[in-house]
Amino acid sequence: MSIDIQQPRPQGLVGSHVHIAGTAGGAFEAQFNYRIHEGHDEVVGGFTAGDGTGGHGQFQVQVDVSGAAFALDRLFVEVFWVSPKDGAELDKIIVPVVYGPRIVPGYRVYQEYEVKPGDTLWGIATQFYGSGNLYPRLVRANPHVITNPNVITPGSVIRIPQS
């Protein structure tokens, strides 16, 4: 059996409802499991995928994680199937994501912003949040783009989490 996760994307910014979508199968209809965690708390569940003849089928699951006590803003979305022989988790796909509600209270969406020459994270945070002191939100929401908070590159597109 195989699994292909198309959503969420690696380092994607997610909210209280995580959408997991892709294709899975390789059996008549197979049971797959998901786990969303950050090492302290987790949300688990399952779904069935396949096309009824041994092929692959599309799946889409919306997982409410609002009740989880996540302590970190980095989560891992795992999808796998369990071996009936020994309970091993097989063909596991792990997608690291960024959890918006730990960055901005009441997180709902993000806005994309293209960095311009002369921009600083302090200035961008002042523009969007009213305070330059909140620039760490930008760093936390963009680990794939901002590797050094003192250096941002014009033309880079960063995500601005909004409540």
N, C-alpha and C. Protein backbone atom coordinates (compact mmCIF):
# COMPACT_ATOMS: atom_id res chain seq x y z
N MET A 1 0.86 -1.18 0.00
CA MET A 1 0.00 0.00 0.00
C MET A 1 0.89 1.23 0.00
N SER A 2 0.34 2.32 -0.50
CA SER A 2 1.13 3.54 -0.53
C SER A 2 0.26 4.74 -0.18
N ILE A 3 0.95 5.80 0.20
CA ILE A 3 0.29 7.03 0.64
C ILE A 3 1.00 8.21 0.00
N ASP A 4 0.23 9.15 -0.52
CA ASP A 4 0.77 10.40 -1.05
C ASP A 4 -0.02 11.54 -0.42
N ILE A 5 0.66 12.36 0.36
CA ILE A 5 0.01 13.50 1.02
C ILE A 5 0.21 14.74 0.16
N GLN A 6 -0.88 15.37 -0.24
CA GLN A 6 -0.81 16.59 -1.04
C GLN A 6 -1.16 17.83 -0.21
N GLN A 7 -1.81 17.61 0.92
CA GLN A 7 -2.14 18.69 1.84
C GLN A 7 -2.14 18.13 3.23
N PRO A 8 -1.52 18.78 4.18
CA PRO A 8 -0.81 20.05 4.10
C PRO A 8 0.56 19.87 3.45
N ARG A 9 1.11 20.98 3.00
CA ARG A 9 2.45 20.99 2.41
C ARG A 9 3.47 21.14 3.54
N PRO A 10 4.69 20.66 3.33
CA PRO A 10 5.73 20.84 4.36
C PRO A 10 5.89 22.32 4.73
N GLN A 11 5.96 22.59 6.00
CA GLN A 11 6.07 23.93 6.59
C GLN A 11 4.84 24.78 6.33
N GLY A 12 3.71 24.15 5.93
CA GLY A 12 2.47 24.88 5.75
C GLY A 12 1.98 25.46 7.07
N LEU A 13 1.29 26.56 7.00
CA LEU A 13 0.72 27.21 8.19
C LEU A 13 -0.70 26.73 8.34
N VAL A 14 -0.99 26.04 9.46
CA VAL A 14 -2.31 25.45 9.68
C VAL A 14 -2.97 26.09 10.89
N GLY A 15 -4.29 25.94 10.95
CA GLY A 15 -5.07 26.48 12.05
C GLY A 15 -5.66 25.37 12.90
N SER A 16 -6.80 25.67 13.53
CA SER A 16 -7.45 24.73 14.44
C SER A 16 -8.09 23.54 13.75
N HIS A 17 -8.27 23.66 12.44
CA HIS A 17 -8.79 22.54 11.64
C HIS A 17 -7.74 22.23 10.58
N VAL A 18 -7.11 21.08 10.71
CA VAL A 18 -6.05 20.68 9.79
C VAL A 18 -6.67 19.81 8.71
N HIS A 19 -6.47 20.20 7.46
CA HIS A 19 -6.97 19.43 6.32
C HIS A 19 -5.87 18.50 5.84
N ILE A 20 -6.17 17.22 5.79
CA ILE A 20 -5.23 16.22 5.29
C ILE A 20 -5.86 15.63 4.04
N ALA A 21 -5.14 15.68 2.92
CA ALA A 21 -5.69 15.19 1.66
C ALA A 21 -4.58 14.57 0.83
N GLY A 22 -4.98 13.63 -0.02
CA GLY A 22 -4.02 12.99 -0.91
C GLY A 22 -4.62 11.75 -1.53
N THR A 23 -3.77 10.80 -1.86
CA THR A 23 -4.22 9.52 -2.38
C THR A 23 -3.58 8.42 -1.56
N ALA A 24 -4.32 7.33 -1.43
CA ALA A 24 -3.82 6.18 -0.69
C ALA A 24 -4.55 4.95 -1.18
N GLY A 25 -3.95 3.83 -0.95
CA GLY A 25 -4.61 2.59 -1.33
C GLY A 25 -3.63 1.50 -1.66
N GLY A 26 -4.09 0.60 -2.52
CA GLY A 26 -3.28 -0.56 -2.87
C GLY A 26 -3.95 -1.84 -2.38
N ALA A 27 -5.12 -1.70 -1.81
CA ALA A 27 -5.92 -2.83 -1.36
C ALA A 27 -7.37 -2.52 -1.72
N PHE A 28 -8.26 -3.46 -1.56
CA PHE A 28 -9.67 -3.26 -1.91
C PHE A 28 -10.17 -1.97 -1.27
N GLU A 29 -10.16 -1.92 0.01
CA GLU A 29 -10.38 -0.70 0.80
C GLU A 29 -9.53 -0.88 2.04
N ALA A 30 -8.65 0.06 2.28
CA ALA A 30 -7.72 -0.07 3.39
C ALA A 30 -7.99 0.99 4.44
N GLN A 31 -7.69 0.63 5.67
CA GLN A 31 -7.82 1.55 6.79
C GLN A 31 -6.49 2.25 7.00
N PHE A 32 -6.51 3.56 7.03
CA PHE A 32 -5.33 4.36 7.28
C PHE A 32 -5.54 5.16 8.55
N ASN A 33 -4.46 5.53 9.19
CA ASN A 33 -4.51 6.30 10.42
C ASN A 33 -3.78 7.62 10.24
N TYR A 34 -4.16 8.60 11.06
CA TYR A 34 -3.41 9.85 11.10
C TYR A 34 -3.12 10.19 12.55
N ARG A 35 -2.07 10.94 12.72
CA ARG A 35 -1.67 11.45 14.04
C ARG A 35 -1.13 12.84 13.82
N ILE A 36 -1.62 13.81 14.60
CA ILE A 36 -1.09 15.17 14.56
C ILE A 36 -0.56 15.43 15.96
N HIS A 37 0.73 15.76 16.04
CA HIS A 37 1.36 15.88 17.36
C HIS A 37 2.54 16.83 17.32
N GLU A 38 3.02 17.16 18.52
CA GLU A 38 4.23 17.96 18.66
C GLU A 38 5.09 17.45 19.80
N GLY A 39 4.84 16.24 20.24
CA GLY A 39 5.65 15.63 21.29
C GLY A 39 5.04 15.71 22.67
N HIS A 40 4.04 16.59 22.85
CA HIS A 40 3.40 16.73 24.15
C HIS A 40 1.96 16.24 24.13
N ASP A 41 1.26 16.52 23.06
CA ASP A 41 -0.13 16.12 22.92
C ASP A 41 -0.33 15.63 21.49
N GLU A 42 -1.40 14.91 21.26
CA GLU A 42 -1.66 14.42 19.92
C GLU A 42 -3.15 14.26 19.68
N VAL A 43 -3.51 14.30 18.40
CA VAL A 43 -4.87 14.03 17.96
C VAL A 43 -4.74 12.89 16.95
N VAL A 44 -5.54 11.84 17.13
CA VAL A 44 -5.44 10.67 16.26
C VAL A 44 -6.81 10.31 15.69
N GLY A 45 -6.78 9.58 14.59
CA GLY A 45 -8.01 9.12 13.97
C GLY A 45 -7.68 8.25 12.78
N GLY A 46 -8.70 7.96 11.99
CA GLY A 46 -8.48 7.11 10.83
C GLY A 46 -9.48 7.38 9.73
N PHE A 47 -9.22 6.77 8.58
CA PHE A 47 -10.10 6.88 7.42
C PHE A 47 -9.86 5.68 6.53
N THR A 48 -10.79 5.44 5.62
CA THR A 48 -10.69 4.36 4.66
C THR A 48 -10.39 4.95 3.28
N ALA A 49 -9.49 4.30 2.54
CA ALA A 49 -9.17 4.77 1.18
C ALA A 49 -8.95 3.56 0.29
N GLY A 50 -9.12 3.75 -0.97
CA GLY A 50 -8.97 2.72 -1.99
C GLY A 50 -10.09 2.88 -2.98
N ASP A 51 -9.99 2.19 -4.09
CA ASP A 51 -11.03 2.35 -5.11
C ASP A 51 -11.98 1.17 -5.18
N GLY A 52 -11.85 0.22 -4.27
CA GLY A 52 -12.73 -0.94 -4.26
C GLY A 52 -12.24 -2.08 -5.12
N THR A 53 -11.15 -1.87 -5.87
CA THR A 53 -10.63 -2.94 -6.72
C THR A 53 -9.13 -3.14 -6.52
N GLY A 54 -8.56 -2.53 -5.49
CA GLY A 54 -7.13 -2.68 -5.24
C GLY A 54 -6.31 -1.49 -5.71
N GLY A 55 -6.98 -0.47 -6.23
CA GLY A 55 -6.28 0.73 -6.68
C GLY A 55 -6.24 1.79 -5.59
N HIS A 56 -5.79 2.95 -5.98
CA HIS A 56 -5.68 4.07 -5.05
C HIS A 56 -6.88 4.99 -5.18
N GLY A 57 -7.28 5.55 -4.06
CA GLY A 57 -8.38 6.49 -4.04
C GLY A 57 -7.97 7.77 -3.36
N GLN A 58 -8.67 8.84 -3.68
CA GLN A 58 -8.40 10.11 -3.03
C GLN A 58 -9.05 10.13 -1.66
N PHE A 59 -8.46 10.86 -0.76
CA PHE A 59 -9.06 11.04 0.56
C PHE A 59 -8.89 12.49 0.98
N GLN A 60 -9.79 12.91 1.84
CA GLN A 60 -9.73 14.24 2.44
C GLN A 60 -10.33 14.14 3.82
N VAL A 61 -9.59 14.58 4.80
CA VAL A 61 -10.02 14.52 6.19
C VAL A 61 -9.79 15.89 6.81
N GLN A 62 -10.77 16.39 7.53
CA GLN A 62 -10.60 17.63 8.29
C GLN A 62 -10.53 17.25 9.75
N VAL A 63 -9.44 17.62 10.41
CA VAL A 63 -9.21 17.22 11.79
C VAL A 63 -9.26 18.45 12.69
N ASP A 64 -10.16 18.43 13.65
CA ASP A 64 -10.28 19.52 14.62
C ASP A 64 -9.25 19.29 15.72
N VAL A 65 -8.26 20.17 15.80
CA VAL A 65 -7.21 20.04 16.82
C VAL A 65 -7.34 21.13 17.89
N SER A 66 -8.47 21.84 17.88
CA SER A 66 -8.63 22.97 18.81
C SER A 66 -8.63 22.54 20.28
N GLY A 67 -8.96 21.30 20.55
CA GLY A 67 -8.97 20.81 21.94
C GLY A 67 -7.63 20.29 22.41
N ALA A 68 -6.65 20.21 21.53
CA ALA A 68 -5.33 19.70 21.90
C ALA A 68 -4.57 20.75 22.69
N ALA A 69 -3.76 20.29 23.61
CA ALA A 69 -2.94 21.20 24.43
C ALA A 69 -1.53 21.28 23.86
N PHE A 70 -1.44 21.68 22.60
CA PHE A 70 -0.13 21.79 21.97
C PHE A 70 0.68 22.87 22.66
N ALA A 71 1.91 22.54 23.02
CA ALA A 71 2.79 23.49 23.68
C ALA A 71 3.72 24.18 22.69
N LEU A 72 3.86 23.63 21.50
CA LEU A 72 4.79 24.16 20.51
C LEU A 72 4.05 24.62 19.25
N ASP A 73 4.71 25.44 18.45
CA ASP A 73 4.10 25.88 17.20
C ASP A 73 4.54 25.04 16.01
N ARG A 74 5.29 23.98 16.24
CA ARG A 74 5.68 23.05 15.19
C ARG A 74 4.97 21.73 15.43
N LEU A 75 4.17 21.32 14.45
CA LEU A 75 3.43 20.06 14.55
C LEU A 75 3.92 19.10 13.47
N PHE A 76 3.59 17.84 13.67
CA PHE A 76 3.87 16.82 12.67
C PHE A 76 2.56 16.12 12.33
N VAL A 77 2.26 16.06 11.04
CA VAL A 77 1.09 15.35 10.55
C VAL A 77 1.60 14.03 9.99
N GLU A 78 1.14 12.92 10.57
CA GLU A 78 1.57 11.59 10.13
C GLU A 78 0.39 10.82 9.58
N VAL A 79 0.60 10.11 8.48
CA VAL A 79 -0.41 9.22 7.92
C VAL A 79 0.28 7.89 7.67
N PHE A 80 -0.39 6.79 8.06
CA PHE A 80 0.22 5.47 7.97
C PHE A 80 -0.87 4.41 8.02
N TRP A 81 -0.49 3.17 7.80
CA TRP A 81 -1.41 2.06 8.03
C TRP A 81 -0.72 1.12 9.01
N VAL A 82 -1.51 0.35 9.73
CA VAL A 82 -1.00 -0.51 10.80
C VAL A 82 -0.98 -1.96 10.32
N SER A 83 0.17 -2.59 10.51
CA SER A 83 0.31 -4.00 10.14
C SER A 83 -0.59 -4.87 11.01
N PRO A 84 -1.40 -5.74 10.40
CA PRO A 84 -2.23 -6.63 11.20
C PRO A 84 -1.40 -7.70 11.91
N LYS A 85 -0.17 -7.92 11.44
CA LYS A 85 0.70 -8.95 12.04
C LYS A 85 1.27 -8.51 13.38
N ASP A 86 1.86 -7.29 13.40
CA ASP A 86 2.57 -6.90 14.62
C ASP A 86 2.24 -5.48 15.11
N GLY A 87 1.31 -4.81 14.45
CA GLY A 87 0.93 -3.46 14.87
C GLY A 87 1.90 -2.38 14.45
N ALA A 88 2.88 -2.71 13.63
CA ALA A 88 3.85 -1.71 13.18
C ALA A 88 3.16 -0.67 12.29
N GLU A 89 3.63 0.55 12.38
CA GLU A 89 3.12 1.63 11.55
C GLU A 89 3.91 1.63 10.24
N LEU A 90 3.23 1.35 9.13
CA LEU A 90 3.89 1.15 7.85
C LEU A 90 3.61 2.28 6.86
N ASP A 91 4.56 2.46 5.94
CA ASP A 91 4.46 3.48 4.88
C ASP A 91 4.15 4.86 5.44
N LYS A 92 4.67 5.14 6.63
CA LYS A 92 4.36 6.41 7.30
C LYS A 92 4.93 7.60 6.54
N ILE A 93 4.08 8.58 6.32
CA ILE A 93 4.46 9.87 5.75
C ILE A 93 4.36 10.90 6.87
N ILE A 94 5.39 11.69 7.05
CA ILE A 94 5.42 12.71 8.10
C ILE A 94 5.59 14.08 7.43
N VAL A 95 4.65 14.98 7.71
CA VAL A 95 4.70 16.33 7.15
C VAL A 95 4.82 17.33 8.31
N PRO A 96 5.94 18.05 8.41
CA PRO A 96 6.06 19.09 9.44
C PRO A 96 5.27 20.32 9.03
N VAL A 97 4.50 20.88 9.97
CA VAL A 97 3.71 22.08 9.70
C VAL A 97 3.89 23.08 10.84
N VAL A 98 3.43 24.31 10.60
CA VAL A 98 3.49 25.39 11.58
C VAL A 98 2.07 25.63 12.08
N TYR A 99 1.90 25.65 13.41
CA TYR A 99 0.58 25.78 14.02
C TYR A 99 0.31 27.25 14.37
N GLY A 100 -0.50 27.91 13.54
CA GLY A 100 -0.79 29.33 13.67
C GLY A 100 -1.33 29.79 15.02
N PRO A 101 -2.25 29.04 15.66
CA PRO A 101 -2.79 29.51 16.94
C PRO A 101 -1.76 29.64 18.06
N ARG A 102 -0.60 29.00 17.94
CA ARG A 102 0.45 29.18 18.95
C ARG A 102 1.30 30.41 18.65
N ILE A 103 1.12 30.98 17.45
CA ILE A 103 1.88 32.17 17.06
C ILE A 103 1.05 33.43 17.26
N VAL A 104 -0.19 33.40 16.80
CA VAL A 104 -1.11 34.54 16.92
C VAL A 104 -2.39 34.04 17.58
N PRO A 105 -2.71 34.53 18.76
CA PRO A 105 -3.97 34.12 19.40
C PRO A 105 -5.15 34.39 18.47
N GLY A 106 -6.03 33.41 18.32
CA GLY A 106 -7.18 33.56 17.46
C GLY A 106 -6.86 33.42 15.99
N TYR A 107 -5.71 32.82 15.67
CA TYR A 107 -5.28 32.68 14.28
C TYR A 107 -6.40 32.13 13.41
N ARG A 108 -6.59 32.76 12.23
CA ARG A 108 -7.58 32.30 11.25
C ARG A 108 -6.95 32.08 9.88
N VAL A 109 -6.20 33.07 9.42
CA VAL A 109 -5.64 33.05 8.07
C VAL A 109 -4.26 33.72 8.08
N TYR A 110 -3.60 33.64 6.92
CA TYR A 110 -2.37 34.42 6.78
C TYR A 110 -2.44 35.21 5.49
N GLN A 111 -1.69 36.29 5.48
CA GLN A 111 -1.57 37.14 4.31
C GLN A 111 -0.14 36.99 3.80
N GLU A 112 0.04 36.94 2.50
CA GLU A 112 1.38 36.89 1.94
C GLU A 112 1.89 38.31 1.71
N TYR A 113 3.17 38.49 1.97
CA TYR A 113 3.80 39.80 1.81
C TYR A 113 5.14 39.60 1.11
N GLU A 114 5.37 40.37 0.05
CA GLU A 114 6.65 40.30 -0.64
C GLU A 114 7.60 41.33 -0.03
N VAL A 115 8.74 40.85 0.44
CA VAL A 115 9.74 41.71 1.07
C VAL A 115 10.30 42.67 0.03
N LYS A 116 10.35 43.94 0.41
CA LYS A 116 10.86 44.99 -0.47
C LYS A 116 12.24 45.45 0.01
N PRO A 117 13.04 46.04 -0.88
CA PRO A 117 14.34 46.57 -0.45
C PRO A 117 14.15 47.56 0.71
N GLY A 118 14.96 47.43 1.74
CA GLY A 118 14.88 48.29 2.91
C GLY A 118 13.96 47.78 4.01
N ASP A 119 13.15 46.76 3.73
CA ASP A 119 12.27 46.20 4.76
C ASP A 119 13.08 45.54 5.87
N THR A 120 12.53 45.60 7.06
CA THR A 120 13.05 44.85 8.21
C THR A 120 11.87 44.11 8.82
N LEU A 121 12.16 43.07 9.56
CA LEU A 121 11.07 42.36 10.24
C LEU A 121 10.40 43.27 11.25
N TRP A 122 11.18 44.13 11.90
CA TRP A 122 10.61 45.09 12.85
C TRP A 122 9.59 46.00 12.16
N GLY A 123 9.95 46.51 11.00
CA GLY A 123 9.06 47.38 10.25
C GLY A 123 7.82 46.66 9.74
N ILE A 124 8.00 45.43 9.27
CA ILE A 124 6.84 44.65 8.79
C ILE A 124 5.90 44.35 9.94
N ALA A 125 6.46 43.97 11.10
CA ALA A 125 5.62 43.70 12.28
C ALA A 125 4.88 44.96 12.73
N THR A 126 5.54 46.10 12.66
CA THR A 126 4.89 47.36 13.02
C THR A 126 3.73 47.63 12.07
N GLN A 127 3.94 47.40 10.78
CA GLN A 127 2.91 47.64 9.77
C GLN A 127 1.69 46.74 9.98
N PHE A 128 1.91 45.47 10.28
CA PHE A 128 0.79 44.52 10.35
C PHE A 128 0.24 44.31 11.76
N TYR A 129 1.08 44.46 12.77
CA TYR A 129 0.63 44.19 14.15
C TYR A 129 0.62 45.42 15.04
N GLY A 130 1.15 46.54 14.54
CA GLY A 130 1.18 47.76 15.34
C GLY A 130 2.33 47.84 16.30
N SER A 131 3.22 46.83 16.30
CA SER A 131 4.38 46.83 17.20
C SER A 131 5.51 46.02 16.59
N GLY A 132 6.68 46.64 16.50
CA GLY A 132 7.86 45.93 16.00
C GLY A 132 8.29 44.80 16.91
N ASN A 133 7.93 44.92 18.21
CA ASN A 133 8.28 43.87 19.17
C ASN A 133 7.68 42.51 18.81
N LEU A 134 6.69 42.50 17.94
CA LEU A 134 6.02 41.25 17.58
C LEU A 134 6.65 40.57 16.36
N TYR A 135 7.85 41.03 15.94
CA TYR A 135 8.50 40.40 14.79
C TYR A 135 8.77 38.91 14.97
N PRO A 136 8.94 38.38 16.20
CA PRO A 136 9.14 36.93 16.32
C PRO A 136 7.98 36.11 15.73
N ARG A 137 6.78 36.68 15.67
CA ARG A 137 5.67 35.99 15.02
C ARG A 137 6.02 35.67 13.57
N LEU A 138 6.65 36.63 12.91
CA LEU A 138 7.01 36.46 11.50
C LEU A 138 8.08 35.38 11.34
N VAL A 139 9.03 35.37 12.25
CA VAL A 139 10.10 34.36 12.21
C VAL A 139 9.50 32.97 12.42
N ARG A 140 8.64 32.83 13.42
CA ARG A 140 8.04 31.53 13.74
C ARG A 140 7.13 31.03 12.62
N ALA A 141 6.44 31.95 11.92
CA ALA A 141 5.51 31.55 10.87
C ALA A 141 6.21 31.22 9.55
N ASN A 142 7.49 31.55 9.45
CA ASN A 142 8.20 31.40 8.17
C ASN A 142 9.55 30.69 8.31
N PRO A 143 9.61 29.54 8.95
CA PRO A 143 10.92 28.89 9.15
C PRO A 143 11.57 28.47 7.83
N HIS A 144 10.78 28.31 6.80
CA HIS A 144 11.30 27.91 5.50
C HIS A 144 11.90 29.08 4.72
N VAL A 145 11.61 30.31 5.15
CA VAL A 145 12.09 31.51 4.45
C VAL A 145 13.07 32.30 5.31
N ILE A 146 12.74 32.45 6.60
CA ILE A 146 13.56 33.28 7.50
C ILE A 146 14.43 32.37 8.35
N THR A 147 15.69 32.24 7.96
CA THR A 147 16.61 31.41 8.74
C THR A 147 17.46 32.25 9.68
N ASN A 148 17.57 33.54 9.37
CA ASN A 148 18.28 34.49 10.22
C ASN A 148 17.42 35.74 10.30
N PRO A 149 16.87 36.08 11.48
CA PRO A 149 15.97 37.24 11.57
C PRO A 149 16.64 38.57 11.22
N ASN A 150 17.95 38.60 11.18
CA ASN A 150 18.65 39.83 10.83
C ASN A 150 18.84 40.00 9.33
N VAL A 151 18.46 38.94 8.57
CA VAL A 151 18.67 38.99 7.12
C VAL A 151 17.39 38.52 6.43
N ILE A 152 16.72 39.45 5.75
CA ILE A 152 15.59 39.07 4.90
C ILE A 152 15.88 39.58 3.50
N THR A 153 15.49 38.81 2.53
CA THR A 153 15.86 39.08 1.15
C THR A 153 14.70 39.69 0.37
N PRO A 154 14.94 40.83 -0.26
CA PRO A 154 13.89 41.41 -1.11
C PRO A 154 13.44 40.40 -2.16
N GLY A 155 12.14 40.36 -2.38
CA GLY A 155 11.56 39.38 -3.29
C GLY A 155 11.05 38.14 -2.61
N SER A 156 11.53 37.87 -1.40
CA SER A 156 11.02 36.73 -0.63
C SER A 156 9.57 36.99 -0.27
N VAL A 157 8.79 35.94 -0.24
CA VAL A 157 7.39 36.06 0.16
C VAL A 157 7.25 35.41 1.53
N ILE A 158 6.77 36.20 2.49
CA ILE A 158 6.58 35.68 3.85
C ILE A 158 5.09 35.68 4.19
N ARG A 159 4.75 34.84 5.15
CA ARG A 159 3.37 34.75 5.61
C ARG A 159 3.19 35.61 6.86
N ILE A 160 2.11 36.37 6.89
CA ILE A 160 1.78 37.22 8.02
C ILE A 160 0.53 36.62 8.67
N PRO A 161 0.69 35.87 9.78
CA PRO A 161 -0.50 35.28 10.43
C PRO A 161 -1.45 36.36 10.94
N GLN A 162 -2.76 36.14 10.74
CA GLN A 162 -3.77 37.09 11.16
C GLN A 162 -4.79 36.41 12.07
N SER A 163 -5.35 37.18 12.98
CA SER A 163 -6.44 36.65 13.82
C SER A 163 -7.76 37.16 13.33
